[in-house]
N, C-alpha and C. Protein backbone atom coordinates (compact mmCIF):
# COMPACT_ATOMS: atom_id res chain seq x y z
N MET A 1 -35.15 10.05 10.50
CA MET A 1 -33.98 10.77 10.12
C MET A 1 -34.20 11.34 8.72
N GLU A 2 -33.82 12.57 8.52
CA GLU A 2 -34.02 13.20 7.22
C GLU A 2 -32.71 13.83 6.77
N THR A 3 -32.45 13.77 5.47
CA THR A 3 -31.26 14.36 4.89
C THR A 3 -31.62 14.93 3.52
N ARG A 4 -30.66 15.46 2.80
CA ARG A 4 -30.93 16.05 1.48
C ARG A 4 -30.08 15.37 0.41
N VAL A 5 -30.62 15.37 -0.81
CA VAL A 5 -29.88 14.90 -1.97
C VAL A 5 -29.03 16.07 -2.44
N GLN A 6 -27.74 15.81 -2.72
CA GLN A 6 -26.85 16.86 -3.18
C GLN A 6 -26.16 16.44 -4.47
N LYS A 7 -25.75 17.42 -5.26
CA LYS A 7 -25.03 17.14 -6.49
C LYS A 7 -23.59 16.79 -6.14
N TRP A 8 -23.06 15.73 -6.79
CA TRP A 8 -21.68 15.31 -6.58
C TRP A 8 -21.12 14.97 -7.96
N GLY A 9 -20.41 15.89 -8.55
CA GLY A 9 -19.97 15.72 -9.94
C GLY A 9 -21.19 15.71 -10.84
N ASN A 10 -21.30 14.67 -11.69
CA ASN A 10 -22.47 14.53 -12.56
C ASN A 10 -23.55 13.66 -11.92
N SER A 11 -23.34 13.24 -10.70
CA SER A 11 -24.27 12.34 -10.02
C SER A 11 -24.96 13.06 -8.87
N LEU A 12 -25.86 12.35 -8.23
CA LEU A 12 -26.50 12.84 -7.01
C LEU A 12 -26.02 11.98 -5.85
N ALA A 13 -25.95 12.55 -4.67
CA ALA A 13 -25.46 11.82 -3.51
C ALA A 13 -26.36 12.07 -2.31
N VAL A 14 -26.45 11.07 -1.46
CA VAL A 14 -27.16 11.17 -0.19
C VAL A 14 -26.16 10.82 0.90
N ARG A 15 -26.00 11.69 1.85
CA ARG A 15 -25.11 11.41 2.98
C ARG A 15 -25.86 10.56 3.99
N ILE A 16 -25.21 9.53 4.48
CA ILE A 16 -25.81 8.67 5.50
C ILE A 16 -25.28 9.13 6.85
N PRO A 17 -26.16 9.60 7.73
CA PRO A 17 -25.72 10.07 9.04
C PRO A 17 -24.95 8.98 9.80
N ARG A 18 -23.95 9.40 10.56
CA ARG A 18 -23.06 8.48 11.27
C ARG A 18 -23.81 7.48 12.14
N ALA A 19 -24.84 7.92 12.84
CA ALA A 19 -25.58 7.03 13.73
C ALA A 19 -26.22 5.88 12.94
N LEU A 20 -26.81 6.20 11.80
CA LEU A 20 -27.43 5.17 10.98
C LEU A 20 -26.38 4.26 10.37
N ALA A 21 -25.28 4.85 9.86
CA ALA A 21 -24.20 4.05 9.28
C ALA A 21 -23.64 3.07 10.30
N SER A 22 -23.45 3.51 11.52
CA SER A 22 -22.94 2.64 12.58
C SER A 22 -23.89 1.49 12.87
N GLN A 23 -25.17 1.77 12.87
CA GLN A 23 -26.17 0.73 13.16
C GLN A 23 -26.13 -0.40 12.14
N ILE A 24 -25.84 -0.07 10.87
CA ILE A 24 -25.87 -1.10 9.84
C ILE A 24 -24.46 -1.52 9.40
N GLY A 25 -23.43 -1.02 10.11
CA GLY A 25 -22.07 -1.46 9.85
C GLY A 25 -21.41 -0.87 8.63
N LEU A 26 -21.81 0.35 8.24
CA LEU A 26 -21.19 1.02 7.09
C LEU A 26 -20.09 1.94 7.56
N GLU A 27 -19.02 1.99 6.78
CA GLU A 27 -17.96 2.96 7.01
C GLU A 27 -17.49 3.45 5.66
N SER A 28 -16.63 4.44 5.64
CA SER A 28 -16.15 4.98 4.38
C SER A 28 -15.53 3.87 3.55
N GLY A 29 -15.94 3.77 2.30
CA GLY A 29 -15.42 2.73 1.41
C GLY A 29 -16.19 1.42 1.43
N SER A 30 -17.20 1.30 2.29
CA SER A 30 -17.99 0.07 2.35
C SER A 30 -18.74 -0.15 1.04
N PRO A 31 -18.70 -1.36 0.49
CA PRO A 31 -19.49 -1.62 -0.71
C PRO A 31 -20.98 -1.75 -0.37
N VAL A 32 -21.83 -1.20 -1.23
CA VAL A 32 -23.28 -1.28 -1.04
C VAL A 32 -23.94 -1.65 -2.37
N ARG A 33 -25.15 -2.19 -2.29
CA ARG A 33 -25.98 -2.46 -3.47
C ARG A 33 -27.13 -1.46 -3.46
N LEU A 34 -27.42 -0.88 -4.63
CA LEU A 34 -28.54 0.04 -4.78
C LEU A 34 -29.61 -0.63 -5.62
N SER A 35 -30.86 -0.47 -5.20
CA SER A 35 -31.97 -1.03 -5.98
C SER A 35 -33.22 -0.20 -5.70
N LEU A 36 -34.28 -0.55 -6.40
CA LEU A 36 -35.59 0.07 -6.20
C LEU A 36 -36.56 -0.99 -5.71
N ARG A 37 -37.35 -0.63 -4.72
CA ARG A 37 -38.41 -1.50 -4.23
C ARG A 37 -39.66 -0.64 -4.14
N ASN A 38 -40.66 -0.95 -4.98
CA ASN A 38 -41.88 -0.14 -5.03
C ASN A 38 -41.56 1.33 -5.28
N MET A 39 -40.64 1.56 -6.22
CA MET A 39 -40.20 2.91 -6.59
C MET A 39 -39.55 3.68 -5.44
N GLU A 40 -39.03 2.99 -4.44
CA GLU A 40 -38.27 3.61 -3.36
C GLU A 40 -36.84 3.09 -3.41
N PRO A 41 -35.86 4.00 -3.29
CA PRO A 41 -34.47 3.53 -3.32
C PRO A 41 -34.14 2.72 -2.07
N VAL A 42 -33.37 1.66 -2.29
CA VAL A 42 -32.94 0.81 -1.18
C VAL A 42 -31.42 0.67 -1.26
N VAL A 43 -30.74 0.91 -0.15
CA VAL A 43 -29.29 0.76 -0.06
C VAL A 43 -29.02 -0.38 0.93
N VAL A 44 -28.31 -1.40 0.46
CA VAL A 44 -28.03 -2.57 1.30
C VAL A 44 -26.52 -2.82 1.32
N PRO A 45 -25.93 -2.99 2.52
CA PRO A 45 -24.51 -3.31 2.57
C PRO A 45 -24.24 -4.61 1.81
N SER A 46 -23.20 -4.60 0.98
CA SER A 46 -22.80 -5.82 0.27
C SER A 46 -21.95 -6.66 1.21
N PRO A 47 -22.13 -7.97 1.13
CA PRO A 47 -21.26 -8.80 1.97
C PRO A 47 -19.81 -8.66 1.51
N ARG A 48 -18.92 -8.56 2.45
CA ARG A 48 -17.50 -8.44 2.10
C ARG A 48 -17.00 -9.79 1.58
N SER A 49 -16.35 -9.74 0.45
CA SER A 49 -15.81 -10.98 -0.09
C SER A 49 -14.55 -11.35 0.67
N ARG A 50 -14.40 -12.62 0.96
CA ARG A 50 -13.22 -13.09 1.67
C ARG A 50 -12.10 -13.33 0.67
N LEU A 51 -10.95 -12.76 0.95
CA LEU A 51 -9.80 -12.94 0.10
C LEU A 51 -9.14 -14.28 0.40
N THR A 52 -8.67 -14.94 -0.63
CA THR A 52 -7.93 -16.18 -0.45
C THR A 52 -6.44 -15.86 -0.33
N LEU A 53 -5.66 -16.83 0.10
CA LEU A 53 -4.22 -16.64 0.18
C LEU A 53 -3.67 -16.34 -1.21
N ASP A 54 -4.19 -17.00 -2.24
CA ASP A 54 -3.73 -16.74 -3.61
C ASP A 54 -4.04 -15.30 -4.02
N ASP A 55 -5.21 -14.76 -3.62
CA ASP A 55 -5.56 -13.37 -3.92
C ASP A 55 -4.55 -12.42 -3.28
N LEU A 56 -4.21 -12.69 -2.03
CA LEU A 56 -3.28 -11.83 -1.31
C LEU A 56 -1.87 -11.93 -1.89
N LEU A 57 -1.41 -13.15 -2.17
CA LEU A 57 -0.07 -13.33 -2.71
C LEU A 57 0.08 -12.73 -4.09
N ALA A 58 -1.00 -12.66 -4.85
CA ALA A 58 -0.96 -12.07 -6.18
C ALA A 58 -0.65 -10.57 -6.12
N GLN A 59 -0.85 -9.96 -4.96
CA GLN A 59 -0.58 -8.54 -4.79
C GLN A 59 0.87 -8.25 -4.40
N VAL A 60 1.67 -9.30 -4.12
CA VAL A 60 3.06 -9.12 -3.74
C VAL A 60 3.88 -8.87 -5.01
N THR A 61 4.66 -7.78 -4.99
CA THR A 61 5.52 -7.44 -6.12
C THR A 61 6.93 -7.20 -5.60
N GLU A 62 7.88 -7.06 -6.52
CA GLU A 62 9.25 -6.73 -6.13
C GLU A 62 9.30 -5.40 -5.37
N GLU A 63 8.41 -4.48 -5.74
CA GLU A 63 8.42 -3.15 -5.12
C GLU A 63 7.90 -3.16 -3.68
N ASN A 64 6.97 -4.05 -3.36
CA ASN A 64 6.42 -4.03 -1.99
C ASN A 64 6.88 -5.22 -1.14
N LEU A 65 7.82 -6.00 -1.64
CA LEU A 65 8.35 -7.15 -0.89
C LEU A 65 9.41 -6.63 0.08
N HIS A 66 9.28 -6.94 1.34
CA HIS A 66 10.25 -6.47 2.32
C HIS A 66 11.24 -7.57 2.66
N ALA A 67 12.35 -7.18 3.26
CA ALA A 67 13.39 -8.14 3.65
C ALA A 67 12.98 -8.83 4.95
N GLU A 68 13.80 -9.81 5.34
CA GLU A 68 13.56 -10.48 6.62
C GLU A 68 13.65 -9.48 7.75
N ALA A 69 12.92 -9.73 8.81
CA ALA A 69 12.98 -8.88 9.99
C ALA A 69 13.61 -9.67 11.12
N ASP A 70 14.66 -9.11 11.72
CA ASP A 70 15.34 -9.78 12.83
C ASP A 70 14.59 -9.43 14.11
N THR A 71 14.10 -10.44 14.80
CA THR A 71 13.36 -10.20 16.04
C THR A 71 14.20 -10.45 17.27
N GLY A 72 15.50 -10.63 17.07
CA GLY A 72 16.40 -10.81 18.20
C GLY A 72 16.61 -12.28 18.53
N PRO A 73 17.36 -12.54 19.58
CA PRO A 73 17.66 -13.93 19.97
C PRO A 73 16.43 -14.62 20.55
N ALA A 74 16.48 -15.95 20.53
CA ALA A 74 15.39 -16.75 21.11
C ALA A 74 15.26 -16.42 22.59
N VAL A 75 14.02 -16.39 23.09
CA VAL A 75 13.79 -16.07 24.50
C VAL A 75 13.06 -17.20 25.23
N GLY A 76 12.70 -18.22 24.50
CA GLY A 76 11.96 -19.32 25.12
C GLY A 76 12.52 -20.64 24.64
N GLY A 77 11.63 -21.56 24.31
CA GLY A 77 12.04 -22.87 23.87
C GLY A 77 12.07 -23.02 22.37
N GLU A 78 12.25 -21.90 21.63
CA GLU A 78 12.25 -21.98 20.18
C GLU A 78 13.43 -22.81 19.69
N GLU A 79 13.21 -23.50 18.61
CA GLU A 79 14.29 -24.22 17.95
C GLU A 79 14.35 -23.78 16.52
N TRP A 80 15.49 -23.27 16.10
CA TRP A 80 15.65 -22.77 14.75
C TRP A 80 16.59 -23.65 14.05
């Protein structure tokens, strides 16, 4: 597979063809690590960090907190 280096702002960019991206599990916004191996660029998908409950709860604010949602009357053996 061959592609071209293109200017992107003050940087250079290489587009990764969809077929190759799919094979290695990359999608838009995927974190990657860049390095050199024997003077050749290497792009490696970064492992996704797992968020903890504390990480997620820290993102809750008064602005994005929603009210209770009414799901209707009980339909089975629920006890409230």
